[in-house]
């Protein structure tokens, strides 16, 4: 598994020196490119923690799931709202499922 960053959705968190995804990545794998968008240095080093997926306000980061979990080509992205995270699972056939997780942060 690894994360993919959709460059058309990523805005580098505006003029922020360090975007939210860069700040939360425990492997220090994310950075800004010259066009002010985030990139992953080496996808092979990704720990699959999903911290960046949950933190991205633009929903520009998605995680590719292994075949055993979601089927070939399934992806997972998150929308964080006050007190909850809404996960979107997109299956290879394009169908979507949503899962809501309540958090302690309200």
N, C-alpha and C. Protein backbone atom coordinates (compact mmCIF):
# COMPACT_ATOMS: atom_id res chain seq x y z
N UNK A 1 0.84 -1.18 0.00
CA UNK A 1 0.00 0.00 0.00
C UNK A 1 0.88 1.24 0.00
N UNK A 2 0.35 2.29 -0.49
CA UNK A 2 0.99 3.59 -0.41
C UNK A 2 -0.06 4.66 -0.65
N UNK A 3 0.35 5.89 -0.55
CA UNK A 3 -0.57 7.00 -0.80
C UNK A 3 -0.28 7.60 -2.17
N UNK A 4 -1.34 8.18 -2.73
CA UNK A 4 -1.21 8.93 -3.97
C UNK A 4 -1.76 10.31 -3.73
N UNK A 5 -1.10 11.31 -4.27
CA UNK A 5 -1.53 12.69 -4.12
C UNK A 5 -2.04 13.19 -5.46
N UNK A 6 -3.28 13.63 -5.48
CA UNK A 6 -3.90 14.16 -6.69
C UNK A 6 -3.46 15.62 -6.82
N UNK A 7 -2.56 15.88 -7.77
CA UNK A 7 -2.00 17.22 -7.93
C UNK A 7 -3.05 18.26 -8.32
N UNK A 8 -4.12 17.83 -8.95
CA UNK A 8 -5.15 18.81 -9.33
C UNK A 8 -5.99 19.24 -8.13
N UNK A 9 -6.00 18.44 -7.06
CA UNK A 9 -6.74 18.81 -5.85
C UNK A 9 -5.84 19.47 -4.79
N UNK A 10 -4.57 19.09 -4.77
CA UNK A 10 -3.65 19.60 -3.75
C UNK A 10 -3.33 21.08 -4.02
N UNK A 11 -3.43 21.88 -2.98
CA UNK A 11 -3.04 23.29 -3.09
C UNK A 11 -1.91 23.62 -2.11
N UNK A 12 -1.28 22.58 -1.56
CA UNK A 12 -0.18 22.79 -0.62
C UNK A 12 -0.63 23.50 0.64
N UNK A 13 -1.90 23.40 0.96
CA UNK A 13 -2.50 24.10 2.12
C UNK A 13 -2.27 25.60 2.01
N UNK A 14 -2.42 26.11 0.81
CA UNK A 14 -2.29 27.55 0.58
C UNK A 14 -0.86 28.02 0.70
N UNK A 15 -0.66 29.11 1.39
CA UNK A 15 0.67 29.69 1.54
C UNK A 15 1.41 29.15 2.75
N UNK A 16 0.89 28.11 3.34
CA UNK A 16 1.51 27.52 4.52
C UNK A 16 2.91 27.03 4.21
N UNK A 17 3.85 27.30 5.12
CA UNK A 17 5.22 26.82 4.95
C UNK A 17 5.23 25.30 4.96
N UNK A 18 4.53 24.71 5.91
CA UNK A 18 4.42 23.26 5.99
C UNK A 18 2.95 22.85 5.95
N UNK A 19 2.55 22.20 4.86
CA UNK A 19 1.16 21.72 4.79
C UNK A 19 0.88 20.71 5.90
N UNK A 20 -0.40 20.52 6.19
CA UNK A 20 -0.79 19.62 7.26
C UNK A 20 -0.26 18.22 7.06
N UNK A 21 -0.30 17.71 5.84
CA UNK A 21 0.17 16.34 5.59
C UNK A 21 1.67 16.21 5.88
N UNK A 22 2.42 17.23 5.54
CA UNK A 22 3.88 17.22 5.79
C UNK A 22 4.15 17.17 7.29
N UNK A 23 3.37 17.95 8.05
CA UNK A 23 3.58 18.01 9.50
C UNK A 23 3.26 16.70 10.21
N UNK A 24 2.25 15.94 9.71
CA UNK A 24 1.83 14.74 10.44
C UNK A 24 2.52 13.47 9.98
N UNK A 25 3.22 13.47 8.88
CA UNK A 25 3.84 12.25 8.38
C UNK A 25 4.97 11.79 9.31
N UNK A 26 4.79 10.62 9.95
CA UNK A 26 5.82 10.17 10.90
C UNK A 26 7.12 9.73 10.22
N UNK A 27 7.06 9.46 8.93
CA UNK A 27 8.26 9.04 8.21
C UNK A 27 8.96 10.18 7.51
N UNK A 28 8.44 11.40 7.66
CA UNK A 28 9.01 12.58 7.01
C UNK A 28 9.15 12.34 5.51
N UNK A 29 8.10 11.79 4.89
CA UNK A 29 8.15 11.41 3.48
C UNK A 29 7.53 12.42 2.54
N UNK A 30 6.81 13.40 3.07
CA UNK A 30 6.12 14.36 2.22
C UNK A 30 6.81 15.71 2.22
N UNK A 31 6.75 16.39 1.08
CA UNK A 31 7.33 17.73 0.97
C UNK A 31 6.60 18.47 -0.14
N UNK A 32 6.88 19.77 -0.26
CA UNK A 32 6.30 20.57 -1.33
C UNK A 32 7.23 20.54 -2.54
N UNK A 33 6.62 20.53 -3.74
CA UNK A 33 7.42 20.62 -4.95
C UNK A 33 7.48 22.10 -5.39
N UNK A 34 8.20 22.42 -6.44
CA UNK A 34 8.30 23.82 -6.87
C UNK A 34 6.97 24.48 -7.23
N UNK A 35 5.96 23.68 -7.56
CA UNK A 35 4.65 24.26 -7.89
C UNK A 35 3.76 24.40 -6.66
N UNK A 36 4.34 24.24 -5.45
CA UNK A 36 3.64 24.42 -4.17
C UNK A 36 2.64 23.31 -3.86
N UNK A 37 2.82 22.16 -4.50
CA UNK A 37 1.97 21.01 -4.23
C UNK A 37 2.78 19.95 -3.49
N UNK A 38 2.08 19.11 -2.77
CA UNK A 38 2.78 18.09 -1.98
C UNK A 38 3.09 16.87 -2.83
N UNK A 39 4.21 16.27 -2.51
CA UNK A 39 4.64 15.03 -3.17
C UNK A 39 5.19 14.09 -2.11
N UNK A 40 5.19 12.81 -2.43
CA UNK A 40 5.80 11.83 -1.54
C UNK A 40 7.19 11.53 -2.11
N UNK A 41 8.19 11.58 -1.24
CA UNK A 41 9.57 11.39 -1.68
C UNK A 41 9.79 10.01 -2.30
N UNK A 42 9.40 8.97 -1.58
CA UNK A 42 9.56 7.61 -2.09
C UNK A 42 8.41 6.76 -1.58
N UNK A 43 7.45 6.45 -2.44
CA UNK A 43 6.27 5.68 -2.00
C UNK A 43 6.61 4.35 -1.33
N UNK A 44 7.75 3.76 -1.67
CA UNK A 44 8.13 2.48 -1.05
C UNK A 44 8.35 2.61 0.45
N UNK A 45 8.67 3.79 0.91
CA UNK A 45 8.95 4.00 2.33
C UNK A 45 7.72 4.33 3.16
N UNK A 46 6.57 4.45 2.51
CA UNK A 46 5.33 4.81 3.21
C UNK A 46 4.95 3.72 4.22
N UNK A 47 4.58 4.13 5.42
CA UNK A 47 4.23 3.20 6.51
C UNK A 47 2.76 2.82 6.49
N UNK A 48 1.99 3.42 5.62
CA UNK A 48 0.55 3.15 5.53
C UNK A 48 -0.21 3.52 6.80
N UNK A 49 0.23 4.56 7.46
CA UNK A 49 -0.43 4.97 8.71
C UNK A 49 -1.70 5.77 8.45
N UNK A 50 -1.84 6.33 7.25
CA UNK A 50 -2.99 7.13 6.82
C UNK A 50 -3.11 8.48 7.53
N UNK A 51 -2.09 8.91 8.23
CA UNK A 51 -2.14 10.21 8.90
C UNK A 51 -2.35 11.34 7.89
N UNK A 52 -1.64 11.29 6.78
CA UNK A 52 -1.77 12.35 5.78
C UNK A 52 -3.14 12.30 5.10
N UNK A 53 -3.67 11.10 4.90
CA UNK A 53 -4.99 10.94 4.28
C UNK A 53 -6.05 11.63 5.13
N UNK A 54 -5.98 11.41 6.44
CA UNK A 54 -6.96 12.00 7.36
C UNK A 54 -6.79 13.51 7.48
N UNK A 55 -5.58 14.00 7.33
CA UNK A 55 -5.29 15.41 7.61
C UNK A 55 -5.54 16.34 6.42
N UNK A 56 -5.55 15.81 5.21
CA UNK A 56 -5.65 16.66 4.01
C UNK A 56 -7.02 17.32 3.90
N UNK A 57 -7.09 18.65 3.99
CA UNK A 57 -8.38 19.34 3.91
C UNK A 57 -8.97 19.34 2.50
N UNK A 58 -8.15 19.08 1.49
CA UNK A 58 -8.62 19.08 0.10
C UNK A 58 -9.03 17.69 -0.38
N UNK A 59 -8.86 16.68 0.45
CA UNK A 59 -9.10 15.28 0.07
C UNK A 59 -8.30 14.92 -1.18
N UNK A 60 -7.07 15.41 -1.22
CA UNK A 60 -6.19 15.18 -2.37
C UNK A 60 -5.34 13.92 -2.20
N UNK A 61 -5.35 13.34 -1.02
CA UNK A 61 -4.51 12.17 -0.76
C UNK A 61 -5.40 10.95 -0.56
N UNK A 62 -5.07 9.87 -1.26
CA UNK A 62 -5.79 8.63 -1.09
C UNK A 62 -4.81 7.48 -0.93
N UNK A 63 -5.25 6.45 -0.25
CA UNK A 63 -4.44 5.28 -0.01
C UNK A 63 -4.91 4.15 -0.91
N UNK A 64 -3.97 3.50 -1.57
CA UNK A 64 -4.29 2.34 -2.38
C UNK A 64 -4.29 1.13 -1.47
N UNK A 65 -5.37 0.37 -1.50
CA UNK A 65 -5.51 -0.79 -0.62
C UNK A 65 -4.97 -2.05 -1.29
N UNK A 66 -4.43 -2.97 -0.51
CA UNK A 66 -3.96 -4.23 -1.10
C UNK A 66 -5.14 -5.09 -1.52
N UNK A 67 -4.89 -6.01 -2.41
CA UNK A 67 -5.92 -6.88 -2.95
C UNK A 67 -6.68 -7.60 -1.84
N UNK A 68 -5.99 -8.03 -0.80
CA UNK A 68 -6.61 -8.79 0.27
C UNK A 68 -7.66 -7.99 1.04
N UNK A 69 -7.52 -6.68 1.07
CA UNK A 69 -8.45 -5.85 1.83
C UNK A 69 -9.57 -5.30 0.96
N UNK A 70 -9.22 -4.70 -0.16
CA UNK A 70 -10.25 -4.01 -0.93
C UNK A 70 -10.39 -4.44 -2.36
N UNK A 71 -9.58 -5.36 -2.81
CA UNK A 71 -9.62 -5.74 -4.21
C UNK A 71 -8.65 -4.89 -5.01
N UNK A 72 -8.20 -5.40 -6.10
CA UNK A 72 -7.22 -4.69 -6.92
C UNK A 72 -7.77 -3.35 -7.38
N UNK A 73 -7.06 -2.28 -7.05
CA UNK A 73 -7.45 -0.95 -7.49
C UNK A 73 -8.35 -0.18 -6.54
N UNK A 74 -8.67 -0.71 -5.38
CA UNK A 74 -9.50 0.02 -4.42
C UNK A 74 -8.68 1.10 -3.75
N UNK A 75 -9.34 2.24 -3.47
CA UNK A 75 -8.65 3.33 -2.79
C UNK A 75 -9.49 3.80 -1.61
N UNK A 76 -8.81 4.46 -0.69
CA UNK A 76 -9.45 4.95 0.52
C UNK A 76 -9.03 6.39 0.74
N UNK A 77 -10.01 7.27 0.96
CA UNK A 77 -9.70 8.66 1.31
C UNK A 77 -10.60 9.08 2.46
N UNK A 78 -10.26 10.17 3.09
CA UNK A 78 -10.99 10.59 4.29
C UNK A 78 -11.35 12.06 4.24
N UNK A 79 -12.47 12.36 4.88
CA UNK A 79 -12.88 13.75 5.09
C UNK A 79 -13.04 13.92 6.60
N UNK A 80 -12.22 14.79 7.16
CA UNK A 80 -12.26 15.01 8.60
C UNK A 80 -13.16 16.19 8.90
N UNK A 81 -14.11 15.95 9.77
CA UNK A 81 -15.01 16.99 10.24
C UNK A 81 -14.94 17.01 11.75
N UNK A 82 -15.51 18.01 12.35
CA UNK A 82 -15.48 18.13 13.80
C UNK A 82 -16.14 16.90 14.44
N UNK A 83 -15.34 16.15 15.18
CA UNK A 83 -15.86 14.99 15.90
C UNK A 83 -16.02 13.72 15.10
N UNK A 84 -15.63 13.73 13.80
CA UNK A 84 -15.78 12.51 13.03
C UNK A 84 -14.87 12.51 11.79
N UNK A 85 -14.64 11.32 11.30
CA UNK A 85 -13.92 11.12 10.04
C UNK A 85 -14.83 10.28 9.16
N UNK A 86 -15.04 10.74 7.94
CA UNK A 86 -15.84 9.99 6.98
C UNK A 86 -14.88 9.40 5.95
N UNK A 87 -14.78 8.08 5.95
CA UNK A 87 -13.91 7.36 5.03
C UNK A 87 -14.70 7.00 3.78
N UNK A 88 -14.07 7.19 2.62
CA UNK A 88 -14.70 6.83 1.35
C UNK A 88 -13.87 5.72 0.72
N UNK A 89 -14.47 4.56 0.54
CA UNK A 89 -13.84 3.44 -0.15
C UNK A 89 -14.36 3.43 -1.58
N UNK A 90 -13.44 3.54 -2.53
CA UNK A 90 -13.81 3.48 -3.94
C UNK A 90 -13.31 2.15 -4.48
N UNK A 91 -14.23 1.35 -4.97
CA UNK A 91 -13.90 0.02 -5.48
C UNK A 91 -13.47 0.09 -6.94
N UNK A 92 -12.83 -0.96 -7.43
CA UNK A 92 -12.36 -0.95 -8.82
C UNK A 92 -13.47 -0.69 -9.85
N UNK A 93 -14.70 -1.08 -9.55
CA UNK A 93 -15.80 -0.86 -10.49
C UNK A 93 -16.37 0.56 -10.41
N UNK A 94 -15.78 1.40 -9.53
CA UNK A 94 -16.23 2.78 -9.39
C UNK A 94 -17.27 3.00 -8.31
N UNK A 95 -17.82 1.93 -7.76
CA UNK A 95 -18.80 2.09 -6.68
C UNK A 95 -18.10 2.58 -5.42
N UNK A 96 -18.86 3.26 -4.58
CA UNK A 96 -18.29 3.86 -3.36
C UNK A 96 -19.07 3.41 -2.13
N UNK A 97 -18.33 3.24 -1.05
CA UNK A 97 -18.94 2.97 0.26
C UNK A 97 -18.37 4.00 1.22
N UNK A 98 -19.19 4.41 2.19
CA UNK A 98 -18.77 5.40 3.17
C UNK A 98 -18.87 4.81 4.56
N UNK A 99 -17.87 5.14 5.39
CA UNK A 99 -17.82 4.67 6.77
C UNK A 99 -17.53 5.87 7.66
N UNK A 100 -18.29 6.01 8.72
CA UNK A 100 -18.11 7.14 9.63
C UNK A 100 -17.53 6.66 10.94
N UNK A 101 -16.48 7.34 11.39
CA UNK A 101 -15.83 7.03 12.66
C UNK A 101 -15.89 8.27 13.53
N UNK A 102 -16.44 8.14 14.71
CA UNK A 102 -16.49 9.27 15.63
C UNK A 102 -15.16 9.37 16.37
N UNK A 103 -14.68 10.60 16.52
CA UNK A 103 -13.41 10.83 17.20
C UNK A 103 -13.63 11.51 18.54
N UNK A 104 -12.59 11.53 19.33
CA UNK A 104 -12.68 12.20 20.63
C UNK A 104 -12.49 13.70 20.49
N UNK A 105 -11.97 14.13 19.36
CA UNK A 105 -11.74 15.57 19.14
C UNK A 105 -13.04 16.21 18.69
N UNK A 106 -13.64 16.98 19.57
CA UNK A 106 -14.89 17.65 19.22
C UNK A 106 -14.74 19.15 19.23
